[in-house]
Amino acid sequence: MADALSIREARAHLAEVVTRAEAGEITVITRKGERVGAVVPIEILDAVEEAADELAAREAEQHRGDPTVSMGELLADLFDSPPGSAGSAV
């Protein structure tokens, strides 16, 4: 289970929190008792970023054959559409 510290506590003990992350521990940061962030070992961040890249690549591959719109067409559709309309770029 990850330790939790308030922002104030984390700020006061930042060097210790970073040392713990280097040792493989996760520290959850809270604000007014709510979890808002975490200091994690860099390997965890690297793994999350790699997984996100892989997911984005898979999503892109699924849409490889979809019709495309040029940047000019997209901008024209965005700026020439009446306010409140969704446009028709497809």
N, C-alpha and C. Protein backbone atom coordinates (compact mmCIF):
# COMPACT_ATOMS: atom_id res chain seq x y z
N MET A 1 0.85 -1.19 0.00
CA MET A 1 0.00 0.00 0.00
C MET A 1 0.89 1.24 0.00
N ALA A 2 0.59 2.16 -0.85
CA ALA A 2 1.38 3.39 -0.96
C ALA A 2 1.09 4.32 0.22
N ASP A 3 2.15 4.98 0.69
CA ASP A 3 1.97 5.99 1.73
C ASP A 3 1.31 7.21 1.12
N ALA A 4 0.55 7.94 1.93
CA ALA A 4 -0.08 9.17 1.47
C ALA A 4 0.39 10.33 2.33
N LEU A 5 0.70 11.44 1.66
CA LEU A 5 1.12 12.66 2.35
C LEU A 5 0.32 13.83 1.80
N SER A 6 0.05 14.78 2.67
CA SER A 6 -0.56 16.02 2.18
C SER A 6 0.48 16.77 1.37
N ILE A 7 0.02 17.73 0.59
CA ILE A 7 0.95 18.55 -0.19
C ILE A 7 1.96 19.20 0.74
N ARG A 8 1.49 19.71 1.85
CA ARG A 8 2.39 20.36 2.82
C ARG A 8 3.45 19.39 3.32
N GLU A 9 3.04 18.16 3.69
CA GLU A 9 3.99 17.17 4.17
C GLU A 9 4.97 16.76 3.06
N ALA A 10 4.46 16.59 1.85
CA ALA A 10 5.32 16.20 0.74
C ALA A 10 6.35 17.28 0.45
N ARG A 11 5.92 18.53 0.50
CA ARG A 11 6.84 19.65 0.27
C ARG A 11 7.94 19.66 1.34
N ALA A 12 7.54 19.45 2.59
CA ALA A 12 8.49 19.49 3.70
C ALA A 12 9.48 18.33 3.65
N HIS A 13 9.09 17.22 3.02
CA HIS A 13 9.92 16.01 3.00
C HIS A 13 10.23 15.56 1.57
N LEU A 14 10.35 16.51 0.65
CA LEU A 14 10.51 16.17 -0.76
C LEU A 14 11.71 15.27 -1.01
N ALA A 15 12.85 15.56 -0.42
CA ALA A 15 14.04 14.73 -0.65
C ALA A 15 13.77 13.29 -0.24
N GLU A 16 13.10 13.10 0.90
CA GLU A 16 12.78 11.75 1.36
C GLU A 16 11.81 11.06 0.41
N VAL A 17 10.81 11.80 -0.06
CA VAL A 17 9.83 11.24 -1.00
C VAL A 17 10.53 10.78 -2.28
N VAL A 18 11.46 11.59 -2.79
CA VAL A 18 12.19 11.23 -4.00
C VAL A 18 13.09 10.02 -3.74
N THR A 19 13.73 9.97 -2.59
CA THR A 19 14.57 8.82 -2.24
C THR A 19 13.73 7.55 -2.20
N ARG A 20 12.53 7.65 -1.65
CA ARG A 20 11.63 6.49 -1.60
C ARG A 20 11.22 6.07 -3.01
N ALA A 21 10.99 7.03 -3.89
CA ALA A 21 10.65 6.69 -5.28
C ALA A 21 11.82 5.96 -5.94
N GLU A 22 13.03 6.43 -5.68
CA GLU A 22 14.22 5.74 -6.21
C GLU A 22 14.31 4.30 -5.72
N ALA A 23 13.80 4.06 -4.52
CA ALA A 23 13.82 2.72 -3.93
C ALA A 23 12.63 1.88 -4.38
N GLY A 24 11.78 2.43 -5.25
CA GLY A 24 10.66 1.67 -5.78
C GLY A 24 9.33 1.90 -5.10
N GLU A 25 9.28 2.84 -4.18
CA GLU A 25 8.03 3.10 -3.44
C GLU A 25 7.22 4.22 -4.08
N ILE A 26 5.91 4.13 -3.94
CA ILE A 26 4.99 5.14 -4.44
C ILE A 26 4.50 5.97 -3.26
N THR A 27 4.45 7.28 -3.44
CA THR A 27 3.89 8.16 -2.43
C THR A 27 2.72 8.91 -3.06
N VAL A 28 1.55 8.76 -2.47
CA VAL A 28 0.35 9.45 -2.94
C VAL A 28 0.31 10.82 -2.29
N ILE A 29 -0.04 11.84 -3.08
CA ILE A 29 -0.15 13.21 -2.58
C ILE A 29 -1.63 13.55 -2.47
N THR A 30 -2.00 14.13 -1.32
CA THR A 30 -3.41 14.47 -1.09
C THR A 30 -3.56 15.98 -0.90
N ARG A 31 -4.75 16.45 -1.22
CA ARG A 31 -5.15 17.84 -0.95
C ARG A 31 -6.53 17.76 -0.29
N LYS A 32 -6.62 18.29 0.90
CA LYS A 32 -7.87 18.25 1.67
C LYS A 32 -8.40 16.82 1.79
N GLY A 33 -7.47 15.87 1.95
CA GLY A 33 -7.85 14.48 2.14
C GLY A 33 -8.13 13.71 0.87
N GLU A 34 -8.14 14.36 -0.27
CA GLU A 34 -8.42 13.70 -1.55
C GLU A 34 -7.12 13.40 -2.28
N ARG A 35 -7.01 12.23 -2.86
CA ARG A 35 -5.83 11.87 -3.64
C ARG A 35 -5.78 12.70 -4.92
N VAL A 36 -4.67 13.40 -5.15
CA VAL A 36 -4.57 14.27 -6.33
C VAL A 36 -3.36 13.96 -7.20
N GLY A 37 -2.42 13.19 -6.72
CA GLY A 37 -1.23 12.88 -7.51
C GLY A 37 -0.38 11.86 -6.80
N ALA A 38 0.76 11.57 -7.43
CA ALA A 38 1.67 10.59 -6.82
C ALA A 38 3.08 10.83 -7.31
N VAL A 39 4.03 10.51 -6.46
CA VAL A 39 5.43 10.46 -6.84
C VAL A 39 5.74 8.98 -6.99
N VAL A 40 6.13 8.60 -8.20
CA VAL A 40 6.33 7.18 -8.51
C VAL A 40 7.74 6.95 -9.02
N PRO A 41 8.23 5.72 -8.90
CA PRO A 41 9.52 5.41 -9.50
C PRO A 41 9.47 5.68 -11.00
N ILE A 42 10.56 6.13 -11.56
CA ILE A 42 10.60 6.50 -12.98
C ILE A 42 10.26 5.31 -13.86
N GLU A 43 10.56 4.09 -13.42
CA GLU A 43 10.23 2.91 -14.22
C GLU A 43 8.72 2.78 -14.41
N ILE A 44 7.96 3.18 -13.42
CA ILE A 44 6.50 3.12 -13.54
C ILE A 44 6.03 4.15 -14.56
N LEU A 45 6.55 5.36 -14.48
CA LEU A 45 6.19 6.39 -15.46
C LEU A 45 6.56 5.94 -16.86
N ASP A 46 7.76 5.38 -17.03
CA ASP A 46 8.20 4.90 -18.34
C ASP A 46 7.25 3.84 -18.87
N ALA A 47 6.82 2.91 -18.01
CA ALA A 47 5.92 1.84 -18.42
C ALA A 47 4.55 2.40 -18.82
N VAL A 48 4.06 3.37 -18.08
CA VAL A 48 2.77 3.99 -18.40
C VAL A 48 2.86 4.70 -19.74
N GLU A 49 3.93 5.46 -19.96
CA GLU A 49 4.10 6.18 -21.23
C GLU A 49 4.23 5.21 -22.39
N GLU A 50 4.96 4.11 -22.20
CA GLU A 50 5.11 3.11 -23.25
C GLU A 50 3.76 2.46 -23.58
N ALA A 51 2.98 2.16 -22.55
CA ALA A 51 1.66 1.57 -22.76
C ALA A 51 0.74 2.55 -23.49
N ALA A 52 0.81 3.82 -23.14
CA ALA A 52 -0.02 4.83 -23.81
C ALA A 52 0.38 4.96 -25.28
N ASP A 53 1.69 4.93 -25.56
CA ASP A 53 2.16 4.98 -26.95
C ASP A 53 1.67 3.77 -27.73
N GLU A 54 1.74 2.60 -27.13
CA GLU A 54 1.27 1.38 -27.80
C GLU A 54 -0.22 1.45 -28.07
N LEU A 55 -0.98 1.93 -27.12
CA LEU A 55 -2.43 2.07 -27.31
C LEU A 55 -2.74 3.06 -28.43
N ALA A 56 -2.03 4.17 -28.46
CA ALA A 56 -2.24 5.16 -29.53
C ALA A 56 -1.87 4.57 -30.88
N ALA A 57 -0.79 3.79 -30.95
CA ALA A 57 -0.39 3.17 -32.21
C ALA A 57 -1.43 2.17 -32.68
N ARG A 58 -1.99 1.39 -31.77
CA ARG A 58 -3.04 0.44 -32.15
C ARG A 58 -4.28 1.16 -32.65
N GLU A 59 -4.64 2.24 -31.98
CA GLU A 59 -5.81 3.03 -32.40
C GLU A 59 -5.57 3.62 -33.78
N ALA A 60 -4.39 4.16 -34.02
CA ALA A 60 -4.06 4.73 -35.32
C ALA A 60 -4.12 3.66 -36.40
N GLU A 61 -3.60 2.48 -36.10
CA GLU A 61 -3.60 1.39 -37.08
C GLU A 61 -5.02 1.00 -37.47
N GLN A 62 -5.94 1.02 -36.52
CA GLN A 62 -7.33 0.67 -36.80
C GLN A 62 -7.98 1.66 -37.76
N HIS A 63 -7.46 2.88 -37.82
CA HIS A 63 -8.06 3.92 -38.65
C HIS A 63 -7.20 4.27 -39.86
N ARG A 64 -6.23 3.40 -40.17
CA ARG A 64 -5.30 3.68 -41.26
C ARG A 64 -6.02 3.95 -42.58
N GLY A 65 -7.05 3.22 -42.90
CA GLY A 65 -7.74 3.38 -44.19
C GLY A 65 -8.87 4.39 -44.18
N ASP A 66 -9.11 5.05 -43.06
CA ASP A 66 -10.20 6.02 -42.99
C ASP A 66 -9.92 7.21 -43.92
N PRO A 67 -10.99 7.82 -44.44
CA PRO A 67 -10.78 9.01 -45.27
C PRO A 67 -10.15 10.13 -44.44
N THR A 68 -9.38 10.96 -45.12
CA THR A 68 -8.70 12.05 -44.43
C THR A 68 -9.17 13.40 -44.95
N VAL A 69 -8.83 14.43 -44.20
CA VAL A 69 -9.18 15.81 -44.55
C VAL A 69 -7.88 16.61 -44.47
N SER A 70 -7.66 17.47 -45.44
CA SER A 70 -6.46 18.30 -45.39
C SER A 70 -6.60 19.34 -44.29
N MET A 71 -5.47 19.89 -43.86
CA MET A 71 -5.48 20.92 -42.82
C MET A 71 -6.28 22.13 -43.31
N GLY A 72 -6.13 22.48 -44.58
CA GLY A 72 -6.88 23.61 -45.14
C GLY A 72 -8.38 23.38 -45.07
N GLU A 73 -8.82 22.17 -45.41
CA GLU A 73 -10.25 21.85 -45.34
C GLU A 73 -10.74 21.88 -43.90
N LEU A 74 -9.94 21.36 -42.99
CA LEU A 74 -10.32 21.36 -41.58
C LEU A 74 -10.47 22.78 -41.06
N LEU A 75 -9.48 23.63 -41.34
CA LEU A 75 -9.54 25.02 -40.87
C LEU A 75 -10.70 25.77 -41.51
N ALA A 76 -10.92 25.56 -42.79
CA ALA A 76 -12.04 26.21 -43.47
C ALA A 76 -13.35 25.79 -42.82
N ASP A 77 -13.48 24.51 -42.54
CA ASP A 77 -14.71 24.02 -41.93
C ASP A 77 -14.88 24.59 -40.52
N LEU A 78 -13.79 24.66 -39.77
CA LEU A 78 -13.87 25.18 -38.40
C LEU A 78 -14.25 26.66 -38.37
N PHE A 79 -13.66 27.44 -39.27
CA PHE A 79 -13.83 28.89 -39.20
C PHE A 79 -14.94 29.42 -40.10
N ASP A 80 -15.44 28.60 -41.02
CA ASP A 80 -16.51 29.05 -41.90
C ASP A 80 -17.88 28.56 -41.45
N SER A 81 -17.92 27.71 -40.44
CA SER A 81 -19.19 27.18 -39.96
C SER A 81 -19.87 28.21 -39.07
N PRO A 82 -21.20 28.26 -39.12
CA PRO A 82 -21.92 29.17 -38.22
C PRO A 82 -21.68 28.78 -36.77
N PRO A 83 -21.65 29.74 -35.86
CA PRO A 83 -21.46 29.42 -34.44
C PRO A 83 -22.47 28.39 -33.96
N GLY A 84 -21.99 27.42 -33.20
CA GLY A 84 -22.87 26.40 -32.65
C GLY A 84 -23.04 25.18 -33.54
N SER A 85 -22.60 25.25 -34.81
CA SER A 85 -22.73 24.07 -35.65
C SER A 85 -21.49 23.21 -35.47
N ALA A 86 -21.63 21.92 -35.73
CA ALA A 86 -20.52 20.99 -35.53
C ALA A 86 -19.60 20.94 -36.74
N GLY A 87 -19.96 21.53 -37.85
CA GLY A 87 -19.15 21.46 -39.05
C GLY A 87 -19.41 20.18 -39.80
N SER A 88 -18.73 20.01 -40.93
CA SER A 88 -18.98 18.83 -41.73
C SER A 88 -17.72 18.21 -42.27
N ALA A 89 -16.57 18.44 -41.64
CA ALA A 89 -15.32 17.85 -42.11
C ALA A 89 -15.32 16.37 -41.83
N VAL A 90 -15.31 15.53 -42.85
CA VAL A 90 -15.22 14.09 -42.71
C VAL A 90 -14.43 13.54 -43.85
